[in-house]
Amino acid sequence: MANTFFRNAFNRMIEARERQVSRYVNGAMLSLDDTTLKNLGTSREELRRKGASQYIF
C-alpha cells in the first residue's frame, strides 16, 4: 500500500514537471521567427494553444 502511494505521488510530480517544462519550451520557441517554426513543423498559434510561459518556475 505504501509503495503504491509513493509511486503515485512520484508519477504525479514528474507529470507536473513535464507540463511545466513544456510550457517553458513553448515560450522560448515563440521567440523564433515564423520560417524557423514552420521548418520545425509548428506554428505560433499551435504553441499559444498548448500554453506558453517565459519563465521556468
N, C-alpha and C. Protein backbone atom coordinates (compact mmCIF):
# COMPACT_ATOMS: atom_id res chain seq x y z
N MET A 1 0.82 -1.19 0.00
CA MET A 1 0.00 0.00 0.00
C MET A 1 0.86 1.26 0.00
N ALA A 2 1.88 1.29 0.85
CA ALA A 2 2.74 2.48 0.92
C ALA A 2 3.50 2.67 -0.38
N ASN A 3 3.93 1.55 -1.00
CA ASN A 3 4.64 1.66 -2.28
C ASN A 3 3.76 2.31 -3.34
N THR A 4 2.48 1.93 -3.37
CA THR A 4 1.56 2.49 -4.34
C THR A 4 1.38 3.99 -4.12
N PHE A 5 1.24 4.41 -2.88
CA PHE A 5 1.07 5.82 -2.56
C PHE A 5 2.28 6.63 -3.03
N PHE A 6 3.47 6.19 -2.68
CA PHE A 6 4.68 6.91 -3.06
C PHE A 6 4.93 6.87 -4.57
N ARG A 7 4.61 5.76 -5.21
CA ARG A 7 4.76 5.65 -6.65
C ARG A 7 3.81 6.63 -7.35
N ASN A 8 2.56 6.69 -6.90
CA ASN A 8 1.60 7.62 -7.50
C ASN A 8 2.02 9.07 -7.27
N ALA A 9 2.49 9.39 -6.07
CA ALA A 9 2.93 10.75 -5.78
C ALA A 9 4.13 11.12 -6.66
N PHE A 10 5.05 10.21 -6.81
CA PHE A 10 6.22 10.45 -7.67
C PHE A 10 5.81 10.65 -9.12
N ASN A 11 4.93 9.80 -9.62
CA ASN A 11 4.46 9.92 -11.01
C ASN A 11 3.75 11.24 -11.25
N ARG A 12 2.93 11.67 -10.31
CA ARG A 12 2.24 12.95 -10.46
C ARG A 12 3.21 14.12 -10.43
N MET A 13 4.24 14.02 -9.62
CA MET A 13 5.24 15.07 -9.56
C MET A 13 5.99 15.17 -10.90
N ILE A 14 6.33 14.03 -11.47
CA ILE A 14 7.02 14.00 -12.76
C ILE A 14 6.13 14.57 -13.86
N GLU A 15 4.86 14.19 -13.87
CA GLU A 15 3.93 14.71 -14.88
C GLU A 15 3.78 16.22 -14.79
N ALA A 16 3.70 16.75 -13.58
CA ALA A 16 3.57 18.19 -13.40
C ALA A 16 4.83 18.90 -13.88
N ARG A 17 5.97 18.33 -13.60
CA ARG A 17 7.24 18.93 -14.05
C ARG A 17 7.34 18.90 -15.58
N GLU A 18 6.89 17.82 -16.20
CA GLU A 18 6.91 17.72 -17.66
C GLU A 18 6.03 18.80 -18.28
N ARG A 19 4.85 19.05 -17.70
CA ARG A 19 3.96 20.10 -18.21
C ARG A 19 4.62 21.47 -18.04
N GLN A 20 5.29 21.68 -16.92
CA GLN A 20 5.97 22.95 -16.67
C GLN A 20 7.08 23.18 -17.70
N VAL A 21 7.87 22.18 -17.96
CA VAL A 21 8.96 22.29 -18.93
C VAL A 21 8.40 22.51 -20.34
N SER A 22 7.32 21.84 -20.66
CA SER A 22 6.70 22.01 -21.98
C SER A 22 6.25 23.45 -22.18
N ARG A 23 5.64 24.05 -21.17
CA ARG A 23 5.22 25.46 -21.28
C ARG A 23 6.42 26.37 -21.46
N TYR A 24 7.50 26.08 -20.75
CA TYR A 24 8.72 26.90 -20.87
C TYR A 24 9.31 26.80 -22.27
N VAL A 25 9.39 25.60 -22.81
CA VAL A 25 9.95 25.40 -24.15
C VAL A 25 9.07 26.08 -25.19
N ASN A 26 7.75 25.97 -25.04
CA ASN A 26 6.85 26.65 -25.97
C ASN A 26 7.07 28.16 -25.93
N GLY A 27 7.27 28.71 -24.74
CA GLY A 27 7.54 30.15 -24.63
C GLY A 27 8.83 30.53 -25.31
N ALA A 28 9.85 29.72 -25.16
CA ALA A 28 11.13 30.00 -25.82
C ALA A 28 11.00 29.88 -27.32
N MET A 29 10.22 28.93 -27.79
CA MET A 29 10.04 28.76 -29.23
C MET A 29 9.25 29.91 -29.85
N LEU A 30 8.43 30.58 -29.05
CA LEU A 30 7.68 31.73 -29.57
C LEU A 30 8.61 32.88 -29.96
N SER A 31 9.83 32.87 -29.46
CA SER A 31 10.76 33.94 -29.82
C SER A 31 11.43 33.68 -31.18
N LEU A 32 11.22 32.51 -31.76
CA LEU A 32 11.77 32.18 -33.07
C LEU A 32 10.92 32.83 -34.17
N ASP A 33 11.52 33.01 -35.32
CA ASP A 33 10.76 33.58 -36.44
C ASP A 33 9.84 32.53 -37.06
N ASP A 34 8.88 33.01 -37.86
CA ASP A 34 7.87 32.12 -38.44
C ASP A 34 8.47 31.07 -39.37
N THR A 35 9.50 31.43 -40.11
CA THR A 35 10.13 30.47 -41.02
C THR A 35 10.75 29.30 -40.26
N THR A 36 11.43 29.61 -39.19
CA THR A 36 12.04 28.57 -38.36
C THR A 36 10.97 27.68 -37.75
N LEU A 37 9.90 28.29 -37.24
CA LEU A 37 8.81 27.50 -36.66
C LEU A 37 8.19 26.58 -37.71
N LYS A 38 8.02 27.09 -38.92
CA LYS A 38 7.45 26.27 -39.99
C LYS A 38 8.37 25.10 -40.31
N ASN A 39 9.68 25.35 -40.32
CA ASN A 39 10.65 24.27 -40.57
C ASN A 39 10.62 23.22 -39.45
N LEU A 40 10.28 23.64 -38.25
CA LEU A 40 10.18 22.71 -37.12
C LEU A 40 8.83 21.98 -37.10
N GLY A 41 7.91 22.41 -37.98
CA GLY A 41 6.63 21.73 -38.08
C GLY A 41 5.59 22.24 -37.11
N THR A 42 5.69 23.48 -36.68
CA THR A 42 4.71 24.04 -35.75
C THR A 42 4.41 25.47 -36.15
N SER A 43 3.49 26.10 -35.45
CA SER A 43 3.14 27.49 -35.72
C SER A 43 2.95 28.22 -34.40
N ARG A 44 2.91 29.54 -34.48
CA ARG A 44 2.69 30.34 -33.27
C ARG A 44 1.35 30.03 -32.63
N GLU A 45 0.33 29.87 -33.44
CA GLU A 45 -1.00 29.58 -32.90
C GLU A 45 -1.00 28.26 -32.13
N GLU A 46 -0.33 27.26 -32.69
CA GLU A 46 -0.27 25.96 -32.02
C GLU A 46 0.47 26.06 -30.69
N LEU A 47 1.57 26.81 -30.66
CA LEU A 47 2.32 26.97 -29.42
C LEU A 47 1.51 27.72 -28.38
N ARG A 48 0.79 28.76 -28.80
CA ARG A 48 -0.04 29.50 -27.86
C ARG A 48 -1.17 28.63 -27.32
N ARG A 49 -1.73 27.80 -28.19
CA ARG A 49 -2.81 26.91 -27.78
C ARG A 49 -2.33 25.90 -26.74
N LYS A 50 -1.12 25.41 -26.90
CA LYS A 50 -0.56 24.44 -25.96
C LYS A 50 -0.20 25.09 -24.63
N GLY A 51 -0.03 26.41 -24.63
CA GLY A 51 0.35 27.13 -23.42
C GLY A 51 1.81 27.47 -23.46
N ALA A 52 2.13 28.67 -22.99
CA ALA A 52 3.50 29.13 -23.02
C ALA A 52 3.79 29.95 -21.79
N SER A 53 5.01 29.89 -21.35
CA SER A 53 5.46 30.65 -20.20
C SER A 53 6.88 31.12 -20.48
N GLN A 54 7.22 32.32 -20.06
CA GLN A 54 8.54 32.87 -20.33
C GLN A 54 9.54 32.55 -19.21
N TYR A 55 9.10 31.91 -18.16
CA TYR A 55 9.98 31.59 -17.03
C TYR A 55 9.80 30.13 -16.66
N ILE A 56 10.82 29.55 -16.06
CA ILE A 56 10.80 28.13 -15.74
C ILE A 56 10.05 27.82 -14.44
N PHE A 57 10.02 28.75 -13.50
CA PHE A 57 9.36 28.45 -12.20
C PHE A 57 8.15 29.28 -11.98
